[in-house]
């Protein structure tokens, strides 16, 4: 099955499709990759991939004619997709992109789990190494070769049935998890702050993978904000970075948002 891929610098509306146009994914290979790339323990992910993604199965539930219709509740007409399964699918699609396009190997991909004192903090799904990111993405990211890219990149994956009206909801949610990670490492690895990758797998009608490369725009200002947040011992990241209009002061979110 061919999955269309859109690669973007920040959140630009126009993807850079000439880098890679699609990924070829089949249930068997998907099931094998999911054995080591999905955080949830789910048997036969290849079967789920076929049912959820390829066949788009919708299992109908029996209807009760005596149901008392109201303004709040309605009957569930079809079984819903399990969020743990769709979450695993989103994670696996991120890994397939990394291994296919950026030549990452299993040893370059780590599933993250926050230690006990930090369990309440948002945590991205992965840390990944991208062996050929400079070669593949230099034009996209407009790299200054005097800047050393991080060895490990935080990666947050999302999966959505559909994206309505070009909503950036999944990217905004993912960005908060990257910010939480940067906050955690800002003292020990300040040069890594501001770099990350977000993938969003859309699986209902138009099946595609949206890939957003996140880069720092004003790294010193971003570091100052994160350090002040740590000093305040505040968990309210969303209040500091509550909109893209605020975020674009710190991050290179692409021309679409840098002009806000």
C-alpha atoms as a PDB file:
ATOM      1  CA  UNK A   1       0.000   0.000   0.000  1.00  0.00           C
ATOM      2  CA  UNK A   2       1.327   3.441  -0.957  1.00  0.00           C
ATOM      3  CA  UNK A   3       1.165   6.102   1.771  1.00  0.00           C
ATOM      4  CA  UNK A   4       1.627   9.662   0.515  1.00  0.00           C
ATOM      5  CA  UNK A   5       4.228  11.690   2.401  1.00  0.00           C
ATOM      6  CA  UNK A   6       4.311  15.460   2.925  1.00  0.00           C
ATOM      7  CA  UNK A   7       7.543  16.841   4.377  1.00  0.00           C
ATOM      8  CA  UNK A   8       7.441  20.382   5.737  1.00  0.00           C
ATOM      9  CA  UNK A   9       9.816  22.868   7.318  1.00  0.00           C
ATOM     10  CA  UNK A  10       7.958  23.874  10.439  1.00  0.00           C
ATOM     11  CA  UNK A  11       4.275  24.149   9.631  1.00  0.00           C
ATOM     12  CA  UNK A  12       4.430  25.621   6.142  1.00  0.00           C
ATOM     13  CA  UNK A  13       1.268  24.951   4.182  1.00  0.00           C
ATOM     14  CA  UNK A  14       3.230  23.929   1.081  1.00  0.00           C
ATOM     15  CA  UNK A  15       4.996  20.585   1.525  1.00  0.00           C
ATOM     16  CA  UNK A  16       8.347  19.799  -0.064  1.00  0.00           C
ATOM     17  CA  UNK A  17       7.173  16.739  -1.961  1.00  0.00           C
ATOM     18  CA  UNK A  18      10.235  16.368  -4.141  1.00  0.00           C
ATOM     19  CA  UNK A  19      12.141  14.841  -1.217  1.00  0.00           C
ATOM     20  CA  UNK A  20       9.972  11.722  -1.033  1.00  0.00           C
ATOM     21  CA  UNK A  21       6.512  11.144  -2.488  1.00  0.00           C
ATOM     22  CA  UNK A  22       5.316   7.965  -0.766  1.00  0.00           C
ATOM     23  CA  UNK A  23       6.119   5.006   1.450  1.00  0.00           C
ATOM     24  CA  UNK A  24       5.290   1.451   0.460  1.00  0.00           C
ATOM     25  CA  UNK A  25       3.818  -0.322   3.487  1.00  0.00           C
ATOM     26  CA  UNK A  26       2.292  -3.806   3.668  1.00  0.00           C
ATOM     27  CA  UNK A  27       0.759  -5.655   6.655  1.00  0.00           C
ATOM     28  CA  UNK A  28       3.580  -8.184   6.972  1.00  0.00           C
ATOM     29  CA  UNK A  29       6.438  -5.667   7.099  1.00  0.00           C
ATOM     30  CA  UNK A  30       4.330  -3.368   9.280  1.00  0.00           C
ATOM     31  CA  UNK A  31       3.755  -6.204  11.749  1.00  0.00           C
ATOM     32  CA  UNK A  32       7.491  -6.952  11.906  1.00  0.00           C
ATOM     33  CA  UNK A  33       8.436  -3.314  12.520  1.00  0.00           C
ATOM     34  CA  UNK A  34       5.717  -2.915  15.150  1.00  0.00           C
ATOM     35  CA  UNK A  35       7.340  -5.684  17.220  1.00  0.00           C
ATOM     36  CA  UNK A  36      10.061  -3.238  18.266  1.00  0.00           C
ATOM     37  CA  UNK A  37       8.715   0.218  17.430  1.00  0.00           C
ATOM     38  CA  UNK A  38       5.307   0.400  19.126  1.00  0.00           C
ATOM     39  CA  UNK A  39       5.021   1.161  22.830  1.00  0.00           C
ATOM     40  CA  UNK A  40       1.741  -0.744  23.346  1.00  0.00           C
ATOM     41  CA  UNK A  41       1.681  -4.540  23.652  1.00  0.00           C
ATOM     42  CA  UNK A  42      -0.756  -5.527  20.919  1.00  0.00           C
ATOM     43  CA  UNK A  43      -0.779  -8.853  19.122  1.00  0.00           C
ATOM     44  CA  UNK A  44      -0.818  -9.062  15.329  1.00  0.00           C
ATOM     45  CA  UNK A  45      -0.381  -5.400  14.458  1.00  0.00           C
ATOM     46  CA  UNK A  46      -0.207  -6.414  10.808  1.00  0.00           C
ATOM     47  CA  UNK A  47      -3.842  -7.585  11.021  1.00  0.00           C
ATOM     48  CA  UNK A  48      -4.820  -4.290  12.625  1.00  0.00           C
ATOM     49  CA  UNK A  49      -3.037  -2.402   9.867  1.00  0.00           C
ATOM     50  CA  UNK A  50      -4.984  -4.329   7.228  1.00  0.00           C
ATOM     51  CA  UNK A  51      -8.322  -3.852   9.019  1.00  0.00           C
ATOM     52  CA  UNK A  52      -7.906  -0.212  10.100  1.00  0.00           C
ATOM     53  CA  UNK A  53      -5.867   1.240   7.247  1.00  0.00           C
ATOM     54  CA  UNK A  54      -6.135  -0.878   4.108  1.00  0.00           C
ATOM     55  CA  UNK A  55      -9.732  -2.112   4.420  1.00  0.00           C
ATOM     56  CA  UNK A  56     -11.009   0.766   6.623  1.00  0.00           C
ATOM     57  CA  UNK A  57     -13.358  -1.739   8.246  1.00  0.00           C
ATOM     58  CA  UNK A  58     -16.313  -0.414  10.190  1.00  0.00           C
ATOM     59  CA  UNK A  59     -18.040  -3.066  12.285  1.00  0.00           C
ATOM     60  CA  UNK A  60     -21.729  -2.237  12.616  1.00  0.00           C
ATOM     61  CA  UNK A  61     -23.426  -2.545  15.995  1.00  0.00           C
ATOM     62  CA  UNK A  62     -27.071  -3.650  16.436  1.00  0.00           C
ATOM     63  CA  UNK A  63     -29.579  -0.814  16.660  1.00  0.00           C
ATOM     64  CA  UNK A  64     -32.238  -0.625  19.334  1.00  0.00           C
ATOM     65  CA  UNK A  65     -35.461   0.931  18.060  1.00  0.00           C
ATOM     66  CA  UNK A  66     -36.656   1.651  21.611  1.00  0.00           C
ATOM     67  CA  UNK A  67     -33.652   3.836  22.377  1.00  0.00           C
ATOM     68  CA  UNK A  68     -34.857   7.076  24.010  1.00  0.00           C
ATOM     69  CA  UNK A  69     -33.329   9.751  21.790  1.00  0.00           C
ATOM     70  CA  UNK A  70     -32.173  12.864  23.590  1.00  0.00           C
ATOM     71  CA  UNK A  71     -30.084  15.956  23.094  1.00  0.00           C
ATOM     72  CA  UNK A  72     -26.955  14.522  24.705  1.00  0.00           C
ATOM     73  CA  UNK A  73     -26.726  10.788  24.005  1.00  0.00           C
ATOM     74  CA  UNK A  74     -27.032   8.732  20.862  1.00  0.00           C
ATOM     75  CA  UNK A  75     -26.469   5.110  19.989  1.00  0.00           C
ATOM     76  CA  UNK A  76     -23.012   4.045  18.919  1.00  0.00           C
ATOM     77  CA  UNK A  77     -23.578   2.649  15.443  1.00  0.00           C
ATOM     78  CA  UNK A  78     -20.118   1.201  14.718  1.00  0.00           C
ATOM     79  CA  UNK A  79     -17.232  -0.085  16.786  1.00  0.00           C
ATOM     80  CA  UNK A  80     -14.569   2.564  17.263  1.00  0.00           C
ATOM     81  CA  UNK A  81     -10.891   2.068  16.555  1.00  0.00           C
ATOM     82  CA  UNK A  82      -8.875   1.404  19.721  1.00  0.00           C
ATOM     83  CA  UNK A  83      -6.694   4.402  20.536  1.00  0.00           C
ATOM     84  CA  UNK A  84      -3.834   2.153  21.674  1.00  0.00           C
ATOM     85  CA  UNK A  85      -3.867   0.511  18.240  1.00  0.00           C
ATOM     86  CA  UNK A  86      -4.024   3.768  16.278  1.00  0.00           C
ATOM     87  CA  UNK A  87      -1.320   5.157  18.581  1.00  0.00           C
ATOM     88  CA  UNK A  88       0.896   2.171  17.757  1.00  0.00           C
ATOM     89  CA  UNK A  89       0.168   2.633  14.060  1.00  0.00           C
ATOM     90  CA  UNK A  90       1.196   6.285  14.273  1.00  0.00           C
ATOM     91  CA  UNK A  91       4.426   5.330  16.050  1.00  0.00           C
ATOM     92  CA  UNK A  92       5.239   2.649  13.501  1.00  0.00           C
ATOM     93  CA  UNK A  93       4.669   5.050  10.602  1.00  0.00           C
ATOM     94  CA  UNK A  94       7.176   7.455  12.174  1.00  0.00           C
ATOM     95  CA  UNK A  95       9.703   4.629  12.396  1.00  0.00           C
ATOM     96  CA  UNK A  96       9.055   3.508   8.810  1.00  0.00           C
ATOM     97  CA  UNK A  97       9.731   7.070   7.634  1.00  0.00           C
ATOM     98  CA  UNK A  98      12.955   7.273   9.666  1.00  0.00           C
ATOM     99  CA  UNK A  99      14.260   3.910   8.455  1.00  0.00           C
ATOM    100  CA  UNK A 100      13.216   4.411   4.822  1.00  0.00           C
ATOM    101  CA  UNK A 101      14.134   8.051   4.269  1.00  0.00           C
ATOM    102  CA  UNK A 102      16.735   8.945   6.895  1.00  0.00           C
ATOM    103  CA  UNK A 103      18.391   5.490   7.017  1.00  0.00           C
ATOM    104  CA  UNK A 104      17.887   5.020  10.744  1.00  0.00           C
ATOM    105  CA  UNK A 105      18.450   1.505  12.058  1.00  0.00           C
ATOM    106  CA  UNK A 106      16.807  -0.156  15.085  1.00  0.00           C
ATOM    107  CA  UNK A 107      19.798   0.914  17.201  1.00  0.00           C
ATOM    108  CA  UNK A 108      19.081   4.526  16.239  1.00  0.00           C
ATOM    109  CA  UNK A 109      15.543   4.462  17.638  1.00  0.00           C
ATOM    110  CA  UNK A 110      14.647   4.568  21.342  1.00  0.00           C
ATOM    111  CA  UNK A 111      11.116   4.532  22.752  1.00  0.00           C
ATOM    112  CA  UNK A 112      10.989   7.004  25.644  1.00  0.00           C
ATOM    113  CA  UNK A 113       9.570   6.492  29.115  1.00  0.00           C
ATOM    114  CA  UNK A 114       9.868   9.256  31.723  1.00  0.00           C
ATOM    115  CA  UNK A 115      11.393   8.294  35.055  1.00  0.00           C
ATOM    116  CA  UNK A 116       9.122   8.243  38.083  1.00  0.00           C
ATOM    117  CA  UNK A 117       9.661  11.842  39.335  1.00  0.00           C
ATOM    118  CA  UNK A 118       8.762  13.139  35.855  1.00  0.00           C
ATOM    119  CA  UNK A 119       5.857  10.819  34.990  1.00  0.00           C
ATOM    120  CA  UNK A 120       3.403  13.723  34.823  1.00  0.00           C
ATOM    121  CA  UNK A 121       5.448  15.542  32.205  1.00  0.00           C
ATOM    122  CA  UNK A 122       4.561  15.209  28.574  1.00  0.00           C
ATOM    123  CA  UNK A 123       7.089  12.961  26.849  1.00  0.00           C
ATOM    124  CA  UNK A 124       7.693  12.509  23.118  1.00  0.00           C
ATOM    125  CA  UNK A 125       7.446   8.990  21.735  1.00  0.00           C
ATOM    126  CA  UNK A 126      11.042   8.572  20.615  1.00  0.00           C
ATOM    127  CA  UNK A 127      14.601   9.747  20.503  1.00  0.00           C
ATOM    128  CA  UNK A 128      16.055   8.995  17.071  1.00  0.00           C
ATOM    129  CA  UNK A 129      19.342   9.363  15.246  1.00  0.00           C
ATOM    130  CA  UNK A 130      19.192  10.302  11.554  1.00  0.00           C
ATOM    131  CA  UNK A 131      22.445   9.247   9.826  1.00  0.00           C
ATOM    132  CA  UNK A 132      21.876  11.205   6.609  1.00  0.00           C
ATOM    133  CA  UNK A 133      19.713  14.122   7.713  1.00  0.00           C
ATOM    134  CA  UNK A 134      22.206  16.753   6.527  1.00  0.00           C
ATOM    135  CA  UNK A 135      22.413  15.187   3.088  1.00  0.00           C
ATOM    136  CA  UNK A 136      18.672  14.629   2.666  1.00  0.00           C
ATOM    137  CA  UNK A 137      17.265  17.743   4.280  1.00  0.00           C
ATOM    138  CA  UNK A 138      19.836  20.541   3.966  1.00  0.00           C
ATOM    139  CA  UNK A 139      17.744  22.556   1.489  1.00  0.00           C
ATOM    140  CA  UNK A 140      14.505  21.947   3.354  1.00  0.00           C
ATOM    141  CA  UNK A 141      15.950  23.076   6.676  1.00  0.00           C
ATOM    142  CA  UNK A 142      18.183  25.797   5.144  1.00  0.00           C
ATOM    143  CA  UNK A 143      21.045  24.566   7.245  1.00  0.00           C
ATOM    144  CA  UNK A 144      23.886  26.758   8.376  1.00  0.00           C
ATOM    145  CA  UNK A 145      26.786  24.321   8.355  1.00  0.00           C
ATOM    146  CA  UNK A 146      28.470  26.191  11.215  1.00  0.00           C
ATOM    147  CA  UNK A 147      25.658  24.852  13.410  1.00  0.00           C
ATOM    148  CA  UNK A 148      26.048  21.321  14.721  1.00  0.00           C
ATOM    149  CA  UNK A 149      22.805  19.380  14.585  1.00  0.00           C
ATOM    150  CA  UNK A 150      21.881  17.260  17.611  1.00  0.00           C
ATOM    151  CA  UNK A 151      22.867  13.616  17.605  1.00  0.00           C
ATOM    152  CA  UNK A 152      19.489  12.558  19.015  1.00  0.00           C
ATOM    153  CA  UNK A 153      16.201  14.116  17.902  1.00  0.00           C
ATOM    154  CA  UNK A 154      12.947  13.953  19.879  1.00  0.00           C
ATOM    155  CA  UNK A 155      10.147  12.563  17.715  1.00  0.00           C
ATOM    156  CA  UNK A 156       6.444  12.739  18.500  1.00  0.00           C
ATOM    157  CA  UNK A 157       3.972  10.784  16.383  1.00  0.00           C
ATOM    158  CA  UNK A 158       0.246  11.321  16.034  1.00  0.00           C
ATOM    159  CA  UNK A 159      -2.507   9.423  14.214  1.00  0.00           C
ATOM    160  CA  UNK A 160      -5.819  10.959  13.161  1.00  0.00           C
ATOM    161  CA  UNK A 161      -8.771   9.644  11.163  1.00  0.00           C
ATOM    162  CA  UNK A 162      -8.849  12.884   9.208  1.00  0.00           C
ATOM    163  CA  UNK A 163      -7.663  16.484   9.266  1.00  0.00           C
ATOM    164  CA  UNK A 164     -10.527  18.967   8.958  1.00  0.00           C
ATOM    165  CA  UNK A 165      -9.986  22.428   7.422  1.00  0.00           C
ATOM    166  CA  UNK A 166      -6.204  22.000   7.494  1.00  0.00           C
ATOM    167  CA  UNK A 167      -6.286  21.965  11.285  1.00  0.00           C
ATOM    168  CA  UNK A 168      -2.891  21.915  13.026  1.00  0.00           C
ATOM    169  CA  UNK A 169      -4.343  20.371  16.192  1.00  0.00           C
ATOM    170  CA  UNK A 170      -2.162  17.239  16.139  1.00  0.00           C
ATOM    171  CA  UNK A 171       0.990  19.260  15.453  1.00  0.00           C
ATOM    172  CA  UNK A 172       0.175  21.704  18.235  1.00  0.00           C
ATOM    173  CA  UNK A 173      -0.354  18.838  20.692  1.00  0.00           C
ATOM    174  CA  UNK A 174       2.890  17.200  19.554  1.00  0.00           C
ATOM    175  CA  UNK A 175       4.835  20.441  19.862  1.00  0.00           C
ATOM    176  CA  UNK A 176       3.927  20.707  23.549  1.00  0.00           C
ATOM    177  CA  UNK A 177       5.574  17.329  24.073  1.00  0.00           C
ATOM    178  CA  UNK A 178       8.723  18.450  22.292  1.00  0.00           C
ATOM    179  CA  UNK A 179       8.795  21.611  24.416  1.00  0.00           C
ATOM    180  CA  UNK A 180       8.496  19.481  27.562  1.00  0.00           C
ATOM    181  CA  UNK A 181      11.505  17.449  26.388  1.00  0.00           C
ATOM    182  CA  UNK A 182      13.554  20.585  25.664  1.00  0.00           C
ATOM    183  CA  UNK A 183      12.724  21.875  29.093  1.00  0.00           C
ATOM    184  CA  UNK A 184      14.075  18.680  30.626  1.00  0.00           C
ATOM    185  CA  UNK A 185      17.405  18.819  28.732  1.00  0.00           C
ATOM    186  CA  UNK A 186      18.007  22.576  28.556  1.00  0.00           C
ATOM    187  CA  UNK A 187      20.596  22.611  31.370  1.00  0.00           C
ATOM    188  CA  UNK A 188      22.554  19.540  30.264  1.00  0.00           C
ATOM    189  CA  UNK A 189      22.189  19.750  26.470  1.00  0.00           C
ATOM    190  CA  UNK A 190      21.361  23.386  25.642  1.00  0.00           C
ATOM    191  CA  UNK A 191      22.484  23.091  22.008  1.00  0.00           C
ATOM    192  CA  UNK A 192      19.803  20.435  21.348  1.00  0.00           C
ATOM    193  CA  UNK A 193      16.916  22.706  22.350  1.00  0.00           C
ATOM    194  CA  UNK A 194      14.537  23.628  19.532  1.00  0.00           C
ATOM    195  CA  UNK A 195      15.146  20.615  17.303  1.00  0.00           C
ATOM    196  CA  UNK A 196      12.527  17.918  16.792  1.00  0.00           C
ATOM    197  CA  UNK A 197      10.382  15.944  14.395  1.00  0.00           C
ATOM    198  CA  UNK A 198       6.593  15.537  14.330  1.00  0.00           C
ATOM    199  CA  UNK A 199       4.758  12.940  12.246  1.00  0.00           C
ATOM    200  CA  UNK A 200       0.995  12.813  11.763  1.00  0.00           C
ATOM    201  CA  UNK A 201      -0.537   9.790  10.067  1.00  0.00           C
ATOM    202  CA  UNK A 202      -3.966  10.448   8.532  1.00  0.00           C
ATOM    203  CA  UNK A 203      -5.685   7.130   7.918  1.00  0.00           C
ATOM    204  CA  UNK A 204      -9.360   7.605   6.968  1.00  0.00           C
ATOM    205  CA  UNK A 205      -9.967   8.666   3.355  1.00  0.00           C
ATOM    206  CA  UNK A 206      -6.741  10.329   2.192  1.00  0.00           C
ATOM    207  CA  UNK A 207      -4.043   8.175   3.712  1.00  0.00           C
ATOM    208  CA  UNK A 208      -0.917  10.250   4.182  1.00  0.00           C
ATOM    209  CA  UNK A 209       1.969  10.930   6.532  1.00  0.00           C
ATOM    210  CA  UNK A 210       2.698  14.576   7.353  1.00  0.00           C
ATOM    211  CA  UNK A 211       6.267  15.159   8.555  1.00  0.00           C
ATOM    212  CA  UNK A 212       7.216  18.443  10.249  1.00  0.00           C
ATOM    213  CA  UNK A 213      10.857  19.296  10.906  1.00  0.00           C
ATOM    214  CA  UNK A 214      11.062  21.701  13.861  1.00  0.00           C
ATOM    215  CA  UNK A 215      14.086  24.008  14.124  1.00  0.00           C
ATOM    216  CA  UNK A 216      15.026  26.825  16.509  1.00  0.00           C
ATOM    217  CA  UNK A 217      14.547  30.407  15.310  1.00  0.00           C
ATOM    218  CA  UNK A 218      15.835  32.183  18.407  1.00  0.00           C
ATOM    219  CA  UNK A 219      17.545  29.443  20.458  1.00  0.00           C
ATOM    220  CA  UNK A 220      18.876  31.781  23.154  1.00  0.00           C
ATOM    221  CA  UNK A 221      15.447  33.245  23.805  1.00  0.00           C
ATOM    222  CA  UNK A 222      13.929  29.768  23.866  1.00  0.00           C
ATOM    223  CA  UNK A 223      16.546  28.564  26.364  1.00  0.00           C
ATOM    224  CA  UNK A 224      15.862  31.567  28.614  1.00  0.00           C
ATOM    225  CA  UNK A 225      12.142  30.798  28.622  1.00  0.00           C
ATOM    226  CA  UNK A 226      12.666  27.139  29.420  1.00  0.00           C
ATOM    227  CA  UNK A 227      15.168  27.886  32.191  1.00  0.00           C
ATOM    228  CA  UNK A 228      12.773  30.391  33.763  1.00  0.00           C
ATOM    229  CA  UNK A 229      10.042  27.776  33.577  1.00  0.00           C
ATOM    230  CA  UNK A 230      12.269  25.330  35.462  1.00  0.00           C
ATOM    231  CA  UNK A 231      13.053  27.911  38.133  1.00  0.00           C
ATOM    232  CA  UNK A 232       9.367  28.538  38.643  1.00  0.00           C
ATOM    233  CA  UNK A 233       8.824  24.763  38.882  1.00  0.00           C
ATOM    234  CA  UNK A 234       5.752  25.258  36.751  1.00  0.00           C
ATOM    235  CA  UNK A 235       4.170  22.477  34.731  1.00  0.00           C
ATOM    236  CA  UNK A 236       2.034  24.913  32.704  1.00  0.00           C
ATOM    237  CA  UNK A 237       3.980  24.799  29.458  1.00  0.00           C
ATOM    238  CA  UNK A 238       0.808  25.365  27.468  1.00  0.00           C
ATOM    239  CA  UNK A 239       0.346  28.837  28.960  1.00  0.00           C
ATOM    240  CA  UNK A 240       3.745  30.049  27.766  1.00  0.00           C
ATOM    241  CA  UNK A 241       3.381  28.447  24.358  1.00  0.00           C
ATOM    242  CA  UNK A 242      -0.361  28.654  23.997  1.00  0.00           C
ATOM    243  CA  UNK A 243      -0.527  29.610  20.345  1.00  0.00           C
ATOM    244  CA  UNK A 244       1.467  29.381  17.161  1.00  0.00           C
ATOM    245  CA  UNK A 245       1.676  33.175  17.214  1.00  0.00           C
ATOM    246  CA  UNK A 246       3.669  32.879  20.450  1.00  0.00           C
ATOM    247  CA  UNK A 247       5.685  29.875  19.368  1.00  0.00           C
ATOM    248  CA  UNK A 248       6.956  31.481  16.182  1.00  0.00           C
ATOM    249  CA  UNK A 249       9.031  33.904  18.270  1.00  0.00           C
ATOM    250  CA  UNK A 250      11.173  30.978  19.393  1.00  0.00           C
ATOM    251  CA  UNK A 251      10.921  28.403  16.608  1.00  0.00           C
ATOM    252  CA  UNK A 252      11.275  28.451  12.842  1.00  0.00           C
ATOM    253  CA  UNK A 253       7.764  27.296  12.026  1.00  0.00           C
ATOM    254  CA  UNK A 254       8.078  28.089   8.329  1.00  0.00           C
ATOM    255  CA  UNK A 255       7.212  31.116   6.247  1.00  0.00           C
ATOM    256  CA  UNK A 256       3.463  30.592   6.706  1.00  0.00           C
ATOM    257  CA  UNK A 257       3.679  31.249  10.444  1.00  0.00           C
ATOM    258  CA  UNK A 258       6.809  33.357  10.701  1.00  0.00           C
ATOM    259  CA  UNK A 259       4.899  36.133   8.955  1.00  0.00           C
ATOM    260  CA  UNK A 260       2.098  36.242  11.574  1.00  0.00           C
END
